[in-house]
Amino acid sequence: MMLSRRERVRRAFRHEPIDRLPTQIGWTVEMGRRLADHFGLDITELPTRFDNHLVRVDLAVPQRLSPDGQVRYDWWGAGHDTAEEGYFIRESPLGASADLDAYSWPDPWVPDLLADAERTRASVGE
């Protein structure tokens, strides 16, 4: 039986028989460029080339940088080193205190938080 990617993932989540394991390969921006060049593809074709089963969706949050531009903060307040490719955390929002009651949690009700995710979903269908 040859399943679609979507049906394969659905069945895997339900612990039903599948023809093979769903897979997902991710990459950083620079690695994506290098992979696309290697395979002679446009970077937008990489998910198909690697037979990815999932579609990445992102939150629409404004990018915030430290005053010196060396740290980029994500939605959770984790500070990523801008000199590093990938996800090296330079500053942790819980570094000074692990008190979760004092932590400034992200606001899930920010207007248009899911706007980018909705656009991505609409572009790929259901």
PDB file of N, CA and C in Angstrom:
ATOM      1  N   MET A   1       0.843  -1.169   0.000  1.00  0.00           N
ATOM      2  CA  MET A   1       0.000   0.000   0.000  1.00  0.00           C
ATOM      3  C   MET A   1       0.891   1.235   0.000  1.00  0.00           C
ATOM      4  N   MET A   2       0.638   2.167  -0.904  1.00  0.00           N
ATOM      5  CA  MET A   2       1.388   3.423  -0.972  1.00  0.00           C
ATOM      6  C   MET A   2       0.504   4.530  -0.413  1.00  0.00           C
ATOM      7  N   LEU A   3       0.937   5.112   0.702  1.00  0.00           N
ATOM      8  CA  LEU A   3       0.146   6.146   1.366  1.00  0.00           C
ATOM      9  C   LEU A   3       0.638   7.538   0.989  1.00  0.00           C
ATOM     10  N   SER A   4      -0.263   8.510   1.042  1.00  0.00           N
ATOM     11  CA  SER A   4       0.158   9.896   0.881  1.00  0.00           C
ATOM     12  C   SER A   4       0.901  10.306   2.153  1.00  0.00           C
ATOM     13  N   ARG A   5       1.666  11.368   2.059  1.00  0.00           N
ATOM     14  CA  ARG A   5       2.381  11.853   3.250  1.00  0.00           C
ATOM     15  C   ARG A   5       1.398  12.144   4.382  1.00  0.00           C
ATOM     16  N   ARG A   6       0.323  12.823   4.040  1.00  0.00           N
ATOM     17  CA  ARG A   6      -0.677  13.196   5.042  1.00  0.00           C
ATOM     18  C   ARG A   6      -1.271  11.961   5.715  1.00  0.00           C
ATOM     19  N   GLU A   7      -1.674  10.987   4.922  1.00  0.00           N
ATOM     20  CA  GLU A   7      -2.284   9.781   5.487  1.00  0.00           C
ATOM     21  C   GLU A   7      -1.265   8.988   6.304  1.00  0.00           C
ATOM     22  N   ARG A   8      -0.017   8.973   5.865  1.00  0.00           N
ATOM     23  CA  ARG A   8       1.033   8.270   6.606  1.00  0.00           C
ATOM     24  C   ARG A   8       1.194   8.885   7.997  1.00  0.00           C
ATOM     25  N   VAL A   9       1.215  10.212   8.078  1.00  0.00           N
ATOM     26  CA  VAL A   9       1.356  10.894   9.371  1.00  0.00           C
ATOM     27  C   VAL A   9       0.122  10.642  10.227  1.00  0.00           C
ATOM     28  N   ARG A  10      -1.057  10.761   9.646  1.00  0.00           N
ATOM     29  CA  ARG A  10      -2.289  10.508  10.407  1.00  0.00           C
ATOM     30  C   ARG A  10      -2.294   9.102  10.993  1.00  0.00           C
ATOM     31  N   ARG A  11      -1.952   8.141  10.165  1.00  0.00           N
ATOM     32  CA  ARG A  11      -1.935   6.751  10.658  1.00  0.00           C
ATOM     33  C   ARG A  11      -0.862   6.552  11.722  1.00  0.00           C
ATOM     34  N   ALA A  12       0.284   7.162  11.538  1.00  0.00           N
ATOM     35  CA  ALA A  12       1.347   7.032  12.541  1.00  0.00           C
ATOM     36  C   ALA A  12       0.885   7.607  13.878  1.00  0.00           C
ATOM     37  N   PHE A  13       0.213   8.760  13.859  1.00  0.00           N
ATOM     38  CA  PHE A  13      -0.301   9.350  15.097  1.00  0.00           C
ATOM     39  C   PHE A  13      -1.318   8.444  15.772  1.00  0.00           C
ATOM     40  N   ARG A  14      -2.071   7.700  14.963  1.00  0.00           N
ATOM     41  CA  ARG A  14      -3.093   6.803  15.513  1.00  0.00           C
ATOM     42  C   ARG A  14      -2.543   5.403  15.793  1.00  0.00           C
ATOM     43  N   HIS A  15      -1.239   5.222  15.594  1.00  0.00           N
ATOM     44  CA  HIS A  15      -0.576   3.930  15.812  1.00  0.00           C
ATOM     45  C   HIS A  15      -1.161   2.841  14.915  1.00  0.00           C
ATOM     46  N   GLU A  16      -1.492   3.222  13.686  1.00  0.00           N
ATOM     47  CA  GLU A  16      -2.012   2.272  12.706  1.00  0.00           C
ATOM     48  C   GLU A  16      -0.885   1.863  11.758  1.00  0.00           C
ATOM     49  N   PRO A  17      -1.057   0.755  11.036  1.00  0.00           N
ATOM     50  CA  PRO A  17      -0.010   0.320  10.104  1.00  0.00           C
ATOM     51  C   PRO A  17       0.285   1.379   9.035  1.00  0.00           C
ATOM     52  N   ILE A  18       1.563   1.516   8.718  1.00  0.00           N
ATOM     53  CA  ILE A  18       2.019   2.437   7.673  1.00  0.00           C
ATOM     54  C   ILE A  18       3.038   1.723   6.797  1.00  0.00           C
ATOM     55  N   ASP A  19       3.242   2.242   5.597  1.00  0.00           N
ATOM     56  CA  ASP A  19       4.181   1.606   4.673  1.00  0.00           C
ATOM     57  C   ASP A  19       5.635   1.951   4.985  1.00  0.00           C
ATOM     58  N   ARG A  20       5.872   3.104   5.604  1.00  0.00           N
ATOM     59  CA  ARG A  20       7.210   3.493   6.057  1.00  0.00           C
ATOM     60  C   ARG A  20       7.065   4.637   7.048  1.00  0.00           C
ATOM     61  N   LEU A  21       8.124   4.926   7.772  1.00  0.00           N
ATOM     62  CA  LEU A  21       8.062   5.989   8.775  1.00  0.00           C
ATOM     63  C   LEU A  21       7.994   7.364   8.131  1.00  0.00           C
ATOM     64  N   PRO A  22       7.146   8.238   8.666  1.00  0.00           N
ATOM     65  CA  PRO A  22       7.171   9.628   8.205  1.00  0.00           C
ATOM     66  C   PRO A  22       8.508  10.257   8.614  1.00  0.00           C
ATOM     67  N   THR A  23       9.044  11.105   7.773  1.00  0.00           N
ATOM     68  CA  THR A  23      10.327  11.732   8.061  1.00  0.00           C
ATOM     69  C   THR A  23      10.220  13.247   7.934  1.00  0.00           C
ATOM     70  N   GLN A  24      11.147  13.913   8.560  1.00  0.00           N
ATOM     71  CA  GLN A  24      11.202  15.365   8.512  1.00  0.00           C
ATOM     72  C   GLN A  24      12.652  15.794   8.642  1.00  0.00           C
ATOM     73  N   ILE A  25      13.145  16.530   7.684  1.00  0.00           N
ATOM     74  CA  ILE A  25      14.500  17.064   7.716  1.00  0.00           C
ATOM     75  C   ILE A  25      14.403  18.581   7.701  1.00  0.00           C
ATOM     76  N   GLY A  26      15.046  19.210   8.657  1.00  0.00           N
ATOM     77  CA  GLY A  26      15.062  20.665   8.731  1.00  0.00           C
ATOM     78  C   GLY A  26      16.467  21.182   8.458  1.00  0.00           C
ATOM     79  N   TRP A  27      16.584  22.484   8.279  1.00  0.00           N
ATOM     80  CA  TRP A  27      17.883  23.096   8.007  1.00  0.00           C
ATOM     81  C   TRP A  27      17.834  24.561   8.391  1.00  0.00           C
ATOM     82  N   THR A  28      19.010  25.090   8.625  1.00  0.00           N
ATOM     83  CA  THR A  28      19.131  26.522   8.859  1.00  0.00           C
ATOM     84  C   THR A  28      19.129  27.219   7.507  1.00  0.00           C
ATOM     85  N   VAL A  29      19.060  28.532   7.505  1.00  0.00           N
ATOM     86  CA  VAL A  29      19.030  29.289   6.246  1.00  0.00           C
ATOM     87  C   VAL A  29      20.262  28.999   5.397  1.00  0.00           C
ATOM     88  N   GLU A  30      21.441  29.107   5.991  1.00  0.00           N
ATOM     89  CA  GLU A  30      22.682  28.881   5.229  1.00  0.00           C
ATOM     90  C   GLU A  30      22.777  27.437   4.748  1.00  0.00           C
ATOM     91  N   MET A  31      22.438  26.486   5.601  1.00  0.00           N
ATOM     92  CA  MET A  31      22.494  25.079   5.183  1.00  0.00           C
ATOM     93  C   MET A  31      21.487  24.821   4.071  1.00  0.00           C
ATOM     94  N   GLY A  32      20.312  25.458   4.137  1.00  0.00           N
ATOM     95  CA  GLY A  32      19.327  25.315   3.067  1.00  0.00           C
ATOM     96  C   GLY A  32      19.879  25.815   1.740  1.00  0.00           C
ATOM     97  N   ARG A  33      20.566  26.942   1.775  1.00  0.00           N
ATOM     98  CA  ARG A  33      21.195  27.463   0.540  1.00  0.00           C
ATOM     99  C   ARG A  33      22.231  26.491  -0.002  1.00  0.00           C
ATOM    100  N   ARG A  34      23.036  25.955   0.884  1.00  0.00           N
ATOM    101  CA  ARG A  34      24.081  25.011   0.451  1.00  0.00           C
ATOM    102  C   ARG A  34      23.473  23.722  -0.115  1.00  0.00           C
ATOM    103  N   LEU A  35      22.438  23.213   0.533  1.00  0.00           N
ATOM    104  CA  LEU A  35      21.772  22.003   0.041  1.00  0.00           C
ATOM    105  C   LEU A  35      21.128  22.253  -1.317  1.00  0.00           C
ATOM    106  N   ALA A  36      20.444  23.382  -1.444  1.00  0.00           N
ATOM    107  CA  ALA A  36      19.790  23.714  -2.713  1.00  0.00           C
ATOM    108  C   ALA A  36      20.831  23.825  -3.824  1.00  0.00           C
ATOM    109  N   ASP A  37      21.950  24.474  -3.553  1.00  0.00           N
ATOM    110  CA  ASP A  37      23.025  24.576  -4.551  1.00  0.00           C
ATOM    111  C   ASP A  37      23.561  23.199  -4.920  1.00  0.00           C
ATOM    112  N   HIS A  38      23.775  22.364  -3.927  1.00  0.00           N
ATOM    113  CA  HIS A  38      24.309  21.013  -4.168  1.00  0.00           C
ATOM    114  C   HIS A  38      23.393  20.199  -5.083  1.00  0.00           C
ATOM    115  N   PHE A  39      22.097  20.277  -4.829  1.00  0.00           N
ATOM    116  CA  PHE A  39      21.147  19.493  -5.615  1.00  0.00           C
ATOM    117  C   PHE A  39      20.649  20.219  -6.860  1.00  0.00           C
ATOM    118  N   GLY A  40      21.097  21.466  -7.051  1.00  0.00           N
ATOM    119  CA  GLY A  40      20.664  22.230  -8.219  1.00  0.00           C
ATOM    120  C   GLY A  40      19.181  22.568  -8.164  1.00  0.00           C
ATOM    121  N   LEU A  41      18.691  22.888  -6.976  1.00  0.00           N
ATOM    122  CA  LEU A  41      17.273  23.178  -6.770  1.00  0.00           C
ATOM    123  C   LEU A  41      17.086  24.583  -6.243  1.00  0.00           C
ATOM    124  N   ASP A  42      15.871  25.068  -6.340  1.00  0.00           N
ATOM    125  CA  ASP A  42      15.482  26.268  -5.620  1.00  0.00           C
ATOM    126  C   ASP A  42      15.252  25.828  -4.175  1.00  0.00           C
ATOM    127  N   ILE A  43      15.565  26.688  -3.238  1.00  0.00           N
ATOM    128  CA  ILE A  43      15.437  26.316  -1.816  1.00  0.00           C
ATOM    129  C   ILE A  43      14.007  25.893  -1.457  1.00  0.00           C
ATOM    130  N   THR A  44      13.018  26.417  -2.159  1.00  0.00           N
ATOM    131  CA  THR A  44      11.624  26.053  -1.875  1.00  0.00           C
ATOM    132  C   THR A  44      11.314  24.608  -2.257  1.00  0.00           C
ATOM    133  N   GLU A  45      12.196  23.985  -3.048  1.00  0.00           N
ATOM    134  CA  GLU A  45      11.981  22.604  -3.474  1.00  0.00           C
ATOM    135  C   GLU A  45      12.584  21.575  -2.514  1.00  0.00           C
ATOM    136  N   LEU A  46      13.343  22.025  -1.522  1.00  0.00           N
ATOM    137  CA  LEU A  46      13.993  21.090  -0.602  1.00  0.00           C
ATOM    138  C   LEU A  46      13.023  20.192   0.166  1.00  0.00           C
ATOM    139  N   PRO A  47      11.916  20.718   0.686  1.00  0.00           N
ATOM    140  CA  PRO A  47      11.011  19.813   1.415  1.00  0.00           C
ATOM    141  C   PRO A  47      10.522  18.644   0.557  1.00  0.00           C
ATOM    142  N   THR A  48      10.261  18.899  -0.709  1.00  0.00           N
ATOM    143  CA  THR A  48       9.832  17.822  -1.611  1.00  0.00           C
ATOM    144  C   THR A  48      10.991  16.884  -1.895  1.00  0.00           C
ATOM    145  N   ARG A  49      12.179  17.431  -2.133  1.00  0.00           N
ATOM    146  CA  ARG A  49      13.365  16.611  -2.426  1.00  0.00           C
ATOM    147  C   ARG A  49      13.653  15.647  -1.289  1.00  0.00           C
ATOM    148  N   PHE A  50      13.463  16.115  -0.047  1.00  0.00           N
ATOM    149  CA  PHE A  50      13.730  15.269   1.119  1.00  0.00           C
ATOM    150  C   PHE A  50      12.500  14.493   1.570  1.00  0.00           C
ATOM    151  N   ASP A  51      11.416  14.616   0.822  1.00  0.00           N
ATOM    152  CA  ASP A  51      10.181  13.889   1.123  1.00  0.00           C
ATOM    153  C   ASP A  51       9.685  14.179   2.542  1.00  0.00           C
ATOM    154  N   ASN A  52       9.777  15.455   2.944  1.00  0.00           N
ATOM    155  CA  ASN A  52       9.289  15.834   4.272  1.00  0.00           C
ATOM    156  C   ASN A  52       7.791  15.594   4.377  1.00  0.00           C
ATOM    157  N   HIS A  53       7.392  15.156   5.549  1.00  0.00           N
ATOM    158  CA  HIS A  53       5.992  14.857   5.791  1.00  0.00           C
ATOM    159  C   HIS A  53       5.245  16.000   6.474  1.00  0.00           C
ATOM    160  N   LEU A  54       5.961  16.930   7.042  1.00  0.00           N
ATOM    161  CA  LEU A  54       5.342  18.029   7.771  1.00  0.00           C
ATOM    162  C   LEU A  54       5.712  19.351   7.111  1.00  0.00           C
ATOM    163  N   VAL A  55       4.929  20.369   7.378  1.00  0.00           N
ATOM    164  CA  VAL A  55       5.187  21.703   6.851  1.00  0.00           C
ATOM    165  C   VAL A  55       5.505  22.605   8.036  1.00  0.00           C
ATOM    166  N   ARG A  56       6.604  23.315   7.942  1.00  0.00           N
ATOM    167  CA  ARG A  56       6.983  24.234   9.019  1.00  0.00           C
ATOM    168  C   ARG A  56       6.087  25.470   8.977  1.00  0.00           C
ATOM    169  N   VAL A  57       5.569  25.824  10.132  1.00  0.00           N
ATOM    170  CA  VAL A  57       4.819  27.062  10.268  1.00  0.00           C
ATOM    171  C   VAL A  57       5.472  27.874  11.378  1.00  0.00           C
ATOM    172  N   ASP A  58       5.457  29.174  11.217  1.00  0.00           N
ATOM    173  CA  ASP A  58       6.086  30.053  12.194  1.00  0.00           C
ATOM    174  C   ASP A  58       5.077  31.021  12.784  1.00  0.00           C
ATOM    175  N   LEU A  59       5.402  31.503  13.971  1.00  0.00           N
ATOM    176  CA  LEU A  59       4.596  32.532  14.598  1.00  0.00           C
ATOM    177  C   LEU A  59       5.008  33.886  14.030  1.00  0.00           C
ATOM    178  N   ALA A  60       4.046  34.760  13.870  1.00  0.00           N
ATOM    179  CA  ALA A  60       4.322  36.108  13.361  1.00  0.00           C
ATOM    180  C   ALA A  60       4.632  37.016  14.540  1.00  0.00           C
ATOM    181  N   VAL A  61       5.877  37.004  14.964  1.00  0.00           N
ATOM    182  CA  VAL A  61       6.302  37.864  16.068  1.00  0.00           C
ATOM    183  C   VAL A  61       7.417  38.775  15.570  1.00  0.00           C
ATOM    184  N   PRO A  62       7.425  40.013  16.033  1.00  0.00           N
ATOM    185  CA  PRO A  62       8.482  40.916  15.585  1.00  0.00           C
ATOM    186  C   PRO A  62       9.842  40.447  16.104  1.00  0.00           C
ATOM    187  N   GLN A  63      10.845  40.584  15.254  1.00  0.00           N
ATOM    188  CA  GLN A  63      12.192  40.198  15.668  1.00  0.00           C
ATOM    189  C   GLN A  63      12.751  41.287  16.580  1.00  0.00           C
ATOM    190  N   ARG A  64      13.358  40.858  17.661  1.00  0.00           N
ATOM    191  CA  ARG A  64      13.941  41.795  18.622  1.00  0.00           C
ATOM    192  C   ARG A  64      15.414  41.473  18.776  1.00  0.00           C
ATOM    193  N   LEU A  65      16.264  42.488  18.634  1.00  0.00           N
ATOM    194  CA  LEU A  65      17.709  42.329  18.766  1.00  0.00           C
ATOM    195  C   LEU A  65      18.208  43.081  19.997  1.00  0.00           C
ATOM    196  N   SER A  66      19.331  42.629  20.531  1.00  0.00           N
ATOM    197  CA  SER A  66      19.991  43.364  21.603  1.00  0.00           C
ATOM    198  C   SER A  66      20.505  44.681  21.023  1.00  0.00           C
ATOM    199  N   PRO A  67      20.770  45.677  21.863  1.00  0.00           N
ATOM    200  CA  PRO A  67      21.257  46.963  21.349  1.00  0.00           C
ATOM    201  C   PRO A  67      22.509  46.848  20.474  1.00  0.00           C
ATOM    202  N   ASP A  68      23.373  45.875  20.771  1.00  0.00           N
ATOM    203  CA  ASP A  68      24.594  45.718  19.969  1.00  0.00           C
ATOM    204  C   ASP A  68      24.393  44.783  18.768  1.00  0.00           C
ATOM    205  N   GLY A  69      23.178  44.229  18.611  1.00  0.00           N
ATOM    206  CA  GLY A  69      22.870  43.373  17.467  1.00  0.00           C
ATOM    207  C   GLY A  69      23.466  41.980  17.537  1.00  0.00           C
ATOM    208  N   GLN A  70      24.026  41.598  18.660  1.00  0.00           N
ATOM    209  CA  GLN A  70      24.679  40.291  18.772  1.00  0.00           C
ATOM    210  C   GLN A  70      23.763  39.184  19.269  1.00  0.00           C
ATOM    211  N   VAL A  71      22.580  39.569  19.738  1.00  0.00           N
ATOM    212  CA  VAL A  71      21.634  38.586  20.270  1.00  0.00           C
ATOM    213  C   VAL A  71      20.260  38.850  19.664  1.00  0.00           C
ATOM    214  N   ARG A  72      19.624  37.786  19.138  1.00  0.00           N
ATOM    215  CA  ARG A  72      18.271  37.845  18.583  1.00  0.00           C
ATOM    216  C   ARG A  72      17.370  37.054  19.541  1.00  0.00           C
ATOM    217  N   TYR A  73      16.320  37.704  20.022  1.00  0.00           N
ATOM    218  CA  TYR A  73      15.437  37.073  21.002  1.00  0.00           C
ATOM    219  C   TYR A  73      14.240  36.442  20.316  1.00  0.00           C
ATOM    220  N   ASP A  74      13.922  35.217  20.742  1.00  0.00           N
ATOM    221  CA  ASP A  74      12.751  34.544  20.184  1.00  0.00           C
ATOM    222  C   ASP A  74      11.523  34.855  21.030  1.00  0.00           C
ATOM    223  N   TRP A  75      10.418  34.245  20.674  1.00  0.00           N
ATOM    224  CA  TRP A  75       9.143  34.491  21.336  1.00  0.00           C
ATOM    225  C   TRP A  75       9.194  34.186  22.830  1.00  0.00           C
ATOM    226  N   TRP A  76      10.020  33.232  23.221  1.00  0.00           N
ATOM    227  CA  TRP A  76      10.122  32.816  24.610  1.00  0.00           C
ATOM    228  C   TRP A  76      11.090  33.682  25.409  1.00  0.00           C
ATOM    229  N   GLY A  77      11.824  34.565  24.723  1.00  0.00           N
ATOM    230  CA  GLY A  77      12.800  35.413  25.407  1.00  0.00           C
ATOM    231  C   GLY A  77      14.192  34.821  25.421  1.00  0.00           C
ATOM    232  N   ALA A  78      14.381  33.685  24.755  1.00  0.00           N
ATOM    233  CA  ALA A  78      15.720  33.090  24.660  1.00  0.00           C
ATOM    234  C   ALA A  78      16.536  33.910  23.674  1.00  0.00           C
ATOM    235  N   GLY A  79      17.773  34.214  24.030  1.00  0.00           N
ATOM    236  CA  GLY A  79      18.640  35.023  23.184  1.00  0.00           C
ATOM    237  C   GLY A  79      19.571  34.166  22.357  1.00  0.00           C
ATOM    238  N   HIS A  80      19.388  34.186  21.043  1.00  0.00           N
ATOM    239  CA  HIS A  80      20.215  33.411  20.115  1.00  0.00           C
ATOM    240  C   HIS A  80      21.379  34.268  19.629  1.00  0.00           C
ATOM    241  N   ASP A  81      22.557  33.689  19.584  1.00  0.00           N
ATOM    242  CA  ASP A  81      23.750  34.391  19.126  1.00  0.00           C
ATOM    243  C   ASP A  81      23.651  34.630  17.624  1.00  0.00           C
ATOM    244  N   THR A  82      23.669  35.893  17.195  1.00  0.00           N
ATOM    245  CA  THR A  82      23.529  36.202  15.768  1.00  0.00           C
ATOM    246  C   THR A  82      24.782  35.847  14.972  1.00  0.00           C
ATOM    247  N   ALA A  83      25.902  35.596  15.652  1.00  0.00           N
ATOM    248  CA  ALA A  83      27.129  35.208  14.952  1.00  0.00           C
ATOM    249  C   ALA A  83      27.138  33.712  14.632  1.00  0.00           C
ATOM    250  N   GLU A  84      26.178  32.972  15.189  1.00  0.00           N
ATOM    251  CA  GLU A  84      26.104  31.524  14.999  1.00  0.00           C
ATOM    252  C   GLU A  84      24.970  31.170  14.048  1.00  0.00           C
ATOM    253  N   GLU A  85      25.203  30.198  13.198  1.00  0.00           N
ATOM    254  CA  GLU A  85      24.151  29.652  12.349  1.00  0.00           C
ATOM    255  C   GLU A  85      23.431  28.598  13.178  1.00  0.00           C
ATOM    256  N   GLY A  86      22.148  28.713  13.294  1.00  0.00           N
ATOM    257  CA  GLY A  86      21.408  27.721  14.050  1.00  0.00           C
ATOM    258  C   GLY A  86      20.772  28.296  15.286  1.00  0.00           C
ATOM    259  N   TYR A  87      20.796  27.518  16.359  1.00  0.00           N
ATOM    260  CA  TYR A  87      19.998  27.850  17.526  1.00  0.00           C
ATOM    261  C   TYR A  87      20.806  27.894  18.814  1.00  0.00           C
ATOM    262  N   PHE A  88      22.031  28.391  18.754  1.00  0.00           N
ATOM    263  CA  PHE A  88      22.853  28.510  19.952  1.00  0.00           C
ATOM    264  C   PHE A  88      22.244  29.571  20.855  1.00  0.00           C
ATOM    265  N   ILE A  89      21.876  29.172  22.068  1.00  0.00           N
ATOM    266  CA  ILE A  89      21.280  30.096  23.037  1.00  0.00           C
ATOM    267  C   ILE A  89      22.406  30.770  23.817  1.00  0.00           C
ATOM    268  N   ARG A  90      22.484  32.062  23.630  1.00  0.00           N
ATOM    269  CA  ARG A  90      23.504  32.856  24.315  1.00  0.00           C
ATOM    270  C   ARG A  90      22.989  33.377  25.651  1.00  0.00           C
ATOM    271  N   GLU A  91      21.695  33.714  25.689  1.00  0.00           N
ATOM    272  CA  GLU A  91      21.072  34.223  26.912  1.00  0.00           C
ATOM    273  C   GLU A  91      19.779  33.467  27.172  1.00  0.00           C
ATOM    274  N   SER A  92      19.668  32.926  28.367  1.00  0.00           N
ATOM    275  CA  SER A  92      18.455  32.212  28.743  1.00  0.00           C
ATOM    276  C   SER A  92      17.562  33.112  29.583  1.00  0.00           C
ATOM    277  N   PRO A  93      16.262  33.120  29.300  1.00  0.00           N
ATOM    278  CA  PRO A  93      15.365  33.938  30.125  1.00  0.00           C
ATOM    279  C   PRO A  93      15.268  33.417  31.556  1.00  0.00           C
ATOM    280  N   LEU A  94      15.689  32.191  31.781  1.00  0.00           N
ATOM    281  CA  LEU A  94      15.671  31.618  33.123  1.00  0.00           C
ATOM    282  C   LEU A  94      17.085  31.512  33.700  1.00  0.00           C
ATOM    283  N   GLY A  95      18.055  32.175  33.063  1.00  0.00           N
ATOM    284  CA  GLY A  95      19.449  32.107  33.508  1.00  0.00           C
ATOM    285  C   GLY A  95      19.673  32.683  34.888  1.00  0.00           C
ATOM    286  N   ALA A  96      19.052  33.812  35.176  1.00  0.00           N
ATOM    287  CA  ALA A  96      19.255  34.460  36.472  1.00  0.00           C
ATOM    288  C   ALA A  96      18.374  33.847  37.556  1.00  0.00           C
ATOM    289  N   SER A  97      17.196  33.361  37.154  1.00  0.00           N
ATOM    290  CA  SER A  97      16.272  32.784  38.119  1.00  0.00           C
ATOM    291  C   SER A  97      15.391  31.752  37.411  1.00  0.00           C
ATOM    292  N   ALA A  98      15.276  30.590  38.020  1.00  0.00           N
ATOM    293  CA  ALA A  98      14.427  29.534  37.461  1.00  0.00           C
ATOM    294  C   ALA A  98      12.999  29.629  37.999  1.00  0.00           C
ATOM    295  N   ASP A  99      12.664  30.755  38.610  1.00  0.00           N
ATOM    296  CA  ASP A  99      11.335  30.973  39.171  1.00  0.00           C
ATOM    297  C   ASP A  99      10.332  31.183  38.039  1.00  0.00           C
ATOM    298  N   LEU A 100       9.542  30.171  37.747  1.00  0.00           N
ATOM    299  CA  LEU A 100       8.578  30.264  36.650  1.00  0.00           C
ATOM    300  C   LEU A 100       7.460  31.267  36.921  1.00  0.00           C
ATOM    301  N   ASP A 101       7.190  31.557  38.182  1.00  0.00           N
ATOM    302  CA  ASP A 101       6.173  32.570  38.499  1.00  0.00           C
ATOM    303  C   ASP A 101       6.668  33.972  38.142  1.00  0.00           C
ATOM    304  N   ALA A 102       7.973  34.174  38.151  1.00  0.00           N
ATOM    305  CA  ALA A 102       8.540  35.482  37.828  1.00  0.00           C
ATOM    306  C   ALA A 102       8.849  35.620  36.329  1.00  0.00           C
ATOM    307  N   TYR A 103       8.775  34.509  35.618  1.00  0.00           N
ATOM    308  CA  TYR A 103       9.084  34.510  34.180  1.00  0.00           C
ATOM    309  C   TYR A 103       8.014  35.285  33.410  1.00  0.00           C
ATOM    310  N   SER A 104       8.442  36.074  32.450  1.00  0.00           N
ATOM    311  CA  SER A 104       7.515  36.843  31.622  1.00  0.00           C
ATOM    312  C   SER A 104       7.073  35.966  30.439  1.00  0.00           C
ATOM    313  N   TRP A 105       5.960  35.260  30.604  1.00  0.00           N
ATOM    314  CA  TRP A 105       5.473  34.329  29.597  1.00  0.00           C
ATOM    315  C   TRP A 105       5.018  35.075  28.341  1.00  0.00           C
ATOM    316  N   PRO A 106       5.219  34.468  27.162  1.00  0.00           N
ATOM    317  CA  PRO A 106       4.722  35.100  25.928  1.00  0.00           C
ATOM    318  C   PRO A 106       3.194  35.177  25.943  1.00  0.00           C
ATOM    319  N   ASP A 107       2.668  36.166  25.277  1.00  0.00           N
ATOM    320  CA  ASP A 107       1.223  36.368  25.223  1.00  0.00           C
ATOM    321  C   ASP A 107       0.647  35.627  24.014  1.00  0.00           C
ATOM    322  N   PRO A 108      -0.105  34.540  24.233  1.00  0.00           N
ATOM    323  CA  PRO A 108      -0.668  33.791  23.106  1.00  0.00           C
ATOM    324  C   PRO A 108      -1.816  34.518  22.409  1.00  0.00           C
ATOM    325  N   TRP A 109      -2.226  35.660  22.926  1.00  0.00           N
ATOM    326  CA  TRP A 109      -3.342  36.413  22.354  1.00  0.00           C
ATOM    327  C   TRP A 109      -2.879  37.619  21.538  1.00  0.00           C
ATOM    328  N   VAL A 110      -1.598  37.698  21.236  1.00  0.00           N
ATOM    329  CA  VAL A 110      -1.080  38.792  20.419  1.00  0.00           C
ATOM    330  C   VAL A 110      -1.824  38.784  19.076  1.00  0.00           C
ATOM    331  N   PRO A 111      -2.336  39.934  18.656  1.00  0.00           N
ATOM    332  CA  PRO A 111      -3.042  39.973  17.367  1.00  0.00           C
ATOM    333  C   PRO A 111      -2.143  39.493  16.222  1.00  0.00           C
ATOM    334  N   ASP A 112      -2.711  38.714  15.339  1.00  0.00           N
ATOM    335  CA  ASP A 112      -2.026  38.204  14.143  1.00  0.00           C
ATOM    336  C   ASP A 112      -0.864  37.269  14.442  1.00  0.00           C
ATOM    337  N   LEU A 113      -0.805  36.712  15.649  1.00  0.00           N
ATOM    338  CA  LEU A 113       0.273  35.797  16.012  1.00  0.00           C
ATOM    339  C   LEU A 113       0.377  34.628  15.033  1.00  0.00           C
ATOM    340  N   LEU A 114      -0.768  34.145  14.567  1.00  0.00           N
ATOM    341  CA  LEU A 114      -0.789  32.990  13.676  1.00  0.00           C
ATOM    342  C   LEU A 114      -0.937  33.363  12.199  1.00  0.00           C
ATOM    343  N   ALA A 115      -0.763  34.630  11.870  1.00  0.00           N
ATOM    344  CA  ALA A 115      -0.965  35.083  10.483  1.00  0.00           C
ATOM    345  C   ALA A 115      -0.046  34.354   9.505  1.00  0.00           C
ATOM    346  N   ASP A 116       1.242  34.222   9.832  1.00  0.00           N
ATOM    347  CA  ASP A 116       2.165  33.521   8.937  1.00  0.00           C
ATOM    348  C   ASP A 116       1.797  32.042   8.825  1.00  0.00           C
ATOM    349  N   ALA A 117       1.429  31.441   9.944  1.00  0.00           N
ATOM    350  CA  ALA A 117       1.029  30.033   9.939  1.00  0.00           C
ATOM    351  C   ALA A 117      -0.217  29.828   9.080  1.00  0.00           C
ATOM    352  N   GLU A 118      -1.165  30.755   9.179  1.00  0.00           N
ATOM    353  CA  GLU A 118      -2.392  30.652   8.379  1.00  0.00           C
ATOM    354  C   GLU A 118      -2.097  30.792   6.883  1.00  0.00           C
ATOM    355  N   ARG A 119      -1.186  31.694   6.532  1.00  0.00           N
ATOM    356  CA  ARG A 119      -0.799  31.850   5.118  1.00  0.00           C
ATOM    357  C   ARG A 119      -0.135  30.570   4.600  1.00  0.00           C
ATOM    358  N   THR A 120       0.745  30.000   5.418  1.00  0.00           N
ATOM    359  CA  THR A 120       1.413  28.758   5.016  1.00  0.00           C
ATOM    360  C   THR A 120       0.391  27.644   4.837  1.00  0.00           C
ATOM    361  N   ARG A 121      -0.495  27.511   5.800  1.00  0.00           N
ATOM    362  CA  ARG A 121      -1.533  26.470   5.715  1.00  0.00           C
ATOM    363  C   ARG A 121      -2.385  26.643   4.464  1.00  0.00           C
ATOM    364  N   ALA A 122      -2.766  27.867   4.168  1.00  0.00           N
ATOM    365  CA  ALA A 122      -3.592  28.128   2.981  1.00  0.00           C
ATOM    366  C   ALA A 122      -2.835  27.794   1.698  1.00  0.00           C
ATOM    367  N   SER A 123      -1.530  27.969   1.712  1.00  0.00           N
ATOM    368  CA  SER A 123      -0.755  27.709   0.499  1.00  0.00           C
ATOM    369  C   SER A 123      -0.570  26.221   0.230  1.00  0.00           C
ATOM    370  N   VAL A 124      -0.673  25.394   1.261  1.00  0.00           N
ATOM    371  CA  VAL A 124      -0.488  23.947   1.079  1.00  0.00           C
ATOM    372  C   VAL A 124      -1.781  23.165   1.169  1.00  0.00           C
ATOM    373  N   GLY A 125      -2.872  23.828   1.488  1.00  0.00           N
ATOM    374  CA  GLY A 125      -4.146  23.131   1.594  1.00  0.00           C
ATOM    375  C   GLY A 125      -4.441  22.695   2.991  1.00  0.00           C
ATOM    376  N   GLU A 126      -5.360  21.769   3.118  1.00  0.00           N
ATOM    377  CA  GLU A 126      -5.887  21.307   4.410  1.00  0.00           C
ATOM    378  C   GLU A 126      -4.832  21.075   5.427  1.00  0.00           C
TER     379      GLU A 126
END
